[in-house]
C-alpha atoms as a PDB file:
ATOM      1  CA  ALA A   1      56.584 -14.541-200.035  1.00  0.00           C
ATOM      2  CA  ALA A   2      56.366 -17.817-198.494  1.00  0.00           C
ATOM      3  CA  SER A   3      57.120 -15.722-195.008  1.00  0.00           C
ATOM      4  CA  THR A   4      54.429 -13.329-196.336  1.00  0.00           C
ATOM      5  CA  LEU A   5      51.592 -16.177-196.500  1.00  0.00           C
ATOM      6  CA  ALA A   6      52.967 -17.893-193.340  1.00  0.00           C
ATOM      7  CA  MET A   7      52.454 -14.569-191.579  1.00  0.00           C
ATOM      8  CA  TYR A   8      49.466 -13.548-193.079  1.00  0.00           C
ATOM      9  CA  GLY A   9      47.941 -17.078-192.797  1.00  0.00           C
ATOM     10  CA  VAL A  10      46.366 -18.339-196.127  1.00  0.00           C
ATOM     11  CA  ASP A  11      42.885 -16.840-195.962  1.00  0.00           C
ATOM     12  CA  GLY A  12      44.624 -13.534-195.008  1.00  0.00           C
ATOM     13  CA  GLY A  13      43.556 -14.002-191.286  1.00  0.00           C
ATOM     14  CA  PRO A  14      45.466 -13.624-187.962  1.00  0.00           C
ATOM     15  CA  PHE A  15      49.030 -14.090-187.679  1.00  0.00           C
ATOM     16  CA  ALA A  16      50.476 -17.133-186.093  1.00  0.00           C
ATOM     17  CA  MET A  17      52.265 -17.371-182.708  1.00  0.00           C
ATOM     18  CA  THR A  18      55.913 -16.972-183.703  1.00  0.00           C
ATOM     19  CA  GLU A  19      58.657 -14.591-182.491  1.00  0.00           C
ATOM     20  CA  GLY A  20      58.901 -13.211-186.503  1.00  0.00           C
ATOM     21  CA  ASN A  21      55.404 -12.594-186.746  1.00  0.00           C
ATOM     22  CA  LEU A  22      55.514 -11.136-183.119  1.00  0.00           C
ATOM     23  CA  ILE A  23      58.201  -8.662-184.150  1.00  0.00           C
ATOM     24  CA  SER A  24      56.293  -7.946-187.262  1.00  0.00           C
ATOM     25  CA  VAL A  25      53.173  -7.170-185.421  1.00  0.00           C
ATOM     26  CA  LEU A  26      54.913  -4.485-183.066  1.00  0.00           C
ATOM     27  CA  GLU A  27      56.466  -2.820-186.100  1.00  0.00           C
ATOM     28  CA  GLU A  28      52.759  -2.535-187.574  1.00  0.00           C
ATOM     29  CA  CYS A  29      51.752  -1.313-184.398  1.00  0.00           C
ATOM     30  CA  LYS A  30      54.453   1.472-184.214  1.00  0.00           C
ATOM     31  CA  ALA A  31      53.818   2.370-187.921  1.00  0.00           C
ATOM     32  CA  GLU A  32      49.982   2.675-187.346  1.00  0.00           C
ATOM     33  CA  ASN A  33      50.313   4.717-184.053  1.00  0.00           C
ATOM     34  CA  ASP A  34      51.661   7.646-185.262  1.00  0.00           C
ATOM     35  CA  ASP A  35      50.930   9.504-182.168  1.00  0.00           C
ATOM     36  CA  MET A  36      52.945   7.358-179.852  1.00  0.00           C
ATOM     37  CA  PHE A  37      56.300   6.504-180.947  1.00  0.00           C
ATOM     38  CA  GLY A  38      59.544   8.433-182.064  1.00  0.00           C
ATOM     39  CA  CYS A  39      60.025   6.604-185.342  1.00  0.00           C
ATOM     40  CA  HIS A  40      57.370   9.368-186.698  1.00  0.00           C
ATOM     41  CA  PRO A  41      59.041  12.647-187.638  1.00  0.00           C
ATOM     42  CA  ARG A  42      55.910  14.678-186.041  1.00  0.00           C
ATOM     43  CA  CYS A  43      56.942  12.754-182.693  1.00  0.00           C
ATOM     44  CA  ALA A  44      60.428  13.140-183.025  1.00  0.00           C
ATOM     45  CA  GLU A  45      60.062  16.814-183.555  1.00  0.00           C
ATOM     46  CA  ILE A  46      58.563  17.279-179.722  1.00  0.00           C
ATOM     47  CA  GLY A  47      61.116  14.836-177.916  1.00  0.00           C
ATOM     48  CA  ILE A  48      58.877  11.741-178.318  1.00  0.00           C
ATOM     49  CA  THR A  49      61.603   8.932-178.798  1.00  0.00           C
ATOM     50  CA  GLY A  50      59.580   6.023-177.295  1.00  0.00           C
ATOM     51  CA  ASP A  51      60.078   2.384-178.792  1.00  0.00           C
ATOM     52  CA  VAL A  52      58.743  -1.104-178.153  1.00  0.00           C
ATOM     53  CA  ASP A  53      60.570  -4.189-178.270  1.00  0.00           C
ATOM     54  CA  LEU A  54      60.076  -7.699-177.947  1.00  0.00           C
ATOM     55  CA  VAL A  55      61.821  -9.301-175.021  1.00  0.00           C
ATOM     56  CA  ASP A  56      60.623 -12.935-174.304  1.00  0.00           C
ATOM     57  CA  ILE A  57      58.067 -15.662-175.400  1.00  0.00           C
ATOM     58  CA  GLU A  58      56.976 -18.266-172.995  1.00  0.00           C
ATOM     59  CA  GLY A  59      54.016 -19.892-174.299  1.00  0.00           C
ATOM     60  CA  PRO A  60      51.091 -17.676-175.147  1.00  0.00           C
ATOM     61  CA  PHE A  61      52.732 -15.127-172.651  1.00  0.00           C
ATOM     62  CA  VAL A  62      54.956 -12.219-174.093  1.00  0.00           C
ATOM     63  CA  THR A  63      57.168  -9.929-172.387  1.00  0.00           C
ATOM     64  CA  ILE A  64      57.898  -6.490-174.156  1.00  0.00           C
ATOM     65  CA  ALA A  65      60.076  -3.340-173.078  1.00  0.00           C
ATOM     66  CA  LEU A  66      59.260   0.195-173.592  1.00  0.00           C
ATOM     67  CA  SER A  67      62.051   2.368-173.769  1.00  0.00           C
ATOM     68  CA  GLY A  68      62.516   6.175-174.759  1.00  0.00           C
ATOM     69  CA  ARG A  69      60.164   8.918-173.919  1.00  0.00           C
ATOM     70  CA  PHE A  70      56.530   8.961-174.422  1.00  0.00           C
ATOM     71  CA  TRP A  71      53.841  11.513-174.504  1.00  0.00           C
ATOM     72  CA  HIS A  72      51.208   9.034-173.085  1.00  0.00           C
ATOM     73  CA  LYS A  73      51.562   7.202-169.402  1.00  0.00           C
ATOM     74  CA  ARG A  74      53.271   4.026-170.191  1.00  0.00           C
ATOM     75  CA  ARG A  75      50.229   1.879-169.186  1.00  0.00           C
ATOM     76  CA  THR A  76      48.335   3.864-172.127  1.00  0.00           C
ATOM     77  CA  VAL A  77      51.120   2.675-174.213  1.00  0.00           C
ATOM     78  CA  LEU A  78      51.004  -1.142-172.803  1.00  0.00           C
ATOM     79  CA  HIS A  79      47.230  -0.978-173.408  1.00  0.00           C
ATOM     80  CA  ARG A  80      47.222   0.088-176.837  1.00  0.00           C
ATOM     81  CA  VAL A  81      50.276  -2.314-178.075  1.00  0.00           C
ATOM     82  CA  GLY A  82      48.474  -5.084-175.977  1.00  0.00           C
ATOM     83  CA  VAL A  83      45.140  -4.521-178.114  1.00  0.00           C
ATOM     84  CA  HIS A  84      46.934  -4.083-181.403  1.00  0.00           C
ATOM     85  CA  VAL A  85      49.081  -7.374-180.687  1.00  0.00           C
ATOM     86  CA  SER A  86      46.004  -9.585-179.286  1.00  0.00           C
ATOM     87  CA  GLN A  87      44.080  -8.557-182.437  1.00  0.00           C
ATOM     88  CA  ARG A  88      46.800  -9.564-184.828  1.00  0.00           C
ATOM     89  CA  ILE A  89      47.566 -12.644-182.751  1.00  0.00           C
ATOM     90  CA  PRO A  90      44.776 -13.959-180.766  1.00  0.00           C
ATOM     91  CA  GLU A  91      46.989 -17.002-179.156  1.00  0.00           C
ATOM     92  CA  ILE A  92      48.587 -14.381-176.767  1.00  0.00           C
ATOM     93  CA  ILE A  93      47.126 -14.359-173.369  1.00  0.00           C
ATOM     94  CA  GLU A  94      48.831 -11.703-171.886  1.00  0.00           C
ATOM     95  CA  ILE A  95      51.404  -8.820-172.366  1.00  0.00           C
ATOM     96  CA  THR A  96      53.839  -7.643-169.518  1.00  0.00           C
ATOM     97  CA  LEU A  97      56.591  -5.032-169.337  1.00  0.00           C
ATOM     98  CA  GLU A  98      59.905  -5.878-168.475  1.00  0.00           C
ATOM     99  CA  ASP A  99      61.024  -4.885-165.173  1.00  0.00           C
ATOM    100  CA  PRO A 100      63.561  -1.975-165.193  1.00  0.00           C
END
């Protein structure tokens, strides 16, 4: 309960910039983008196995990793994840992909 209040803010506003909140927002992003990630049965049925994970946070700079197969180009996935995360955690200045 307390973590939920901290995560959403007292007024239901955007998330604070914490590792736990960022992980939660990435999970939320995967849940809402049911045409992109392998955690959805419809995607998995056609071989989409894509996933996104948090790699690092350095102040307002975030590094993520994409793994698995995507239908969309990776830059499209990065853009959609970036838009979602930035809307929920406005403190983030940049989201980059981990070097393979």
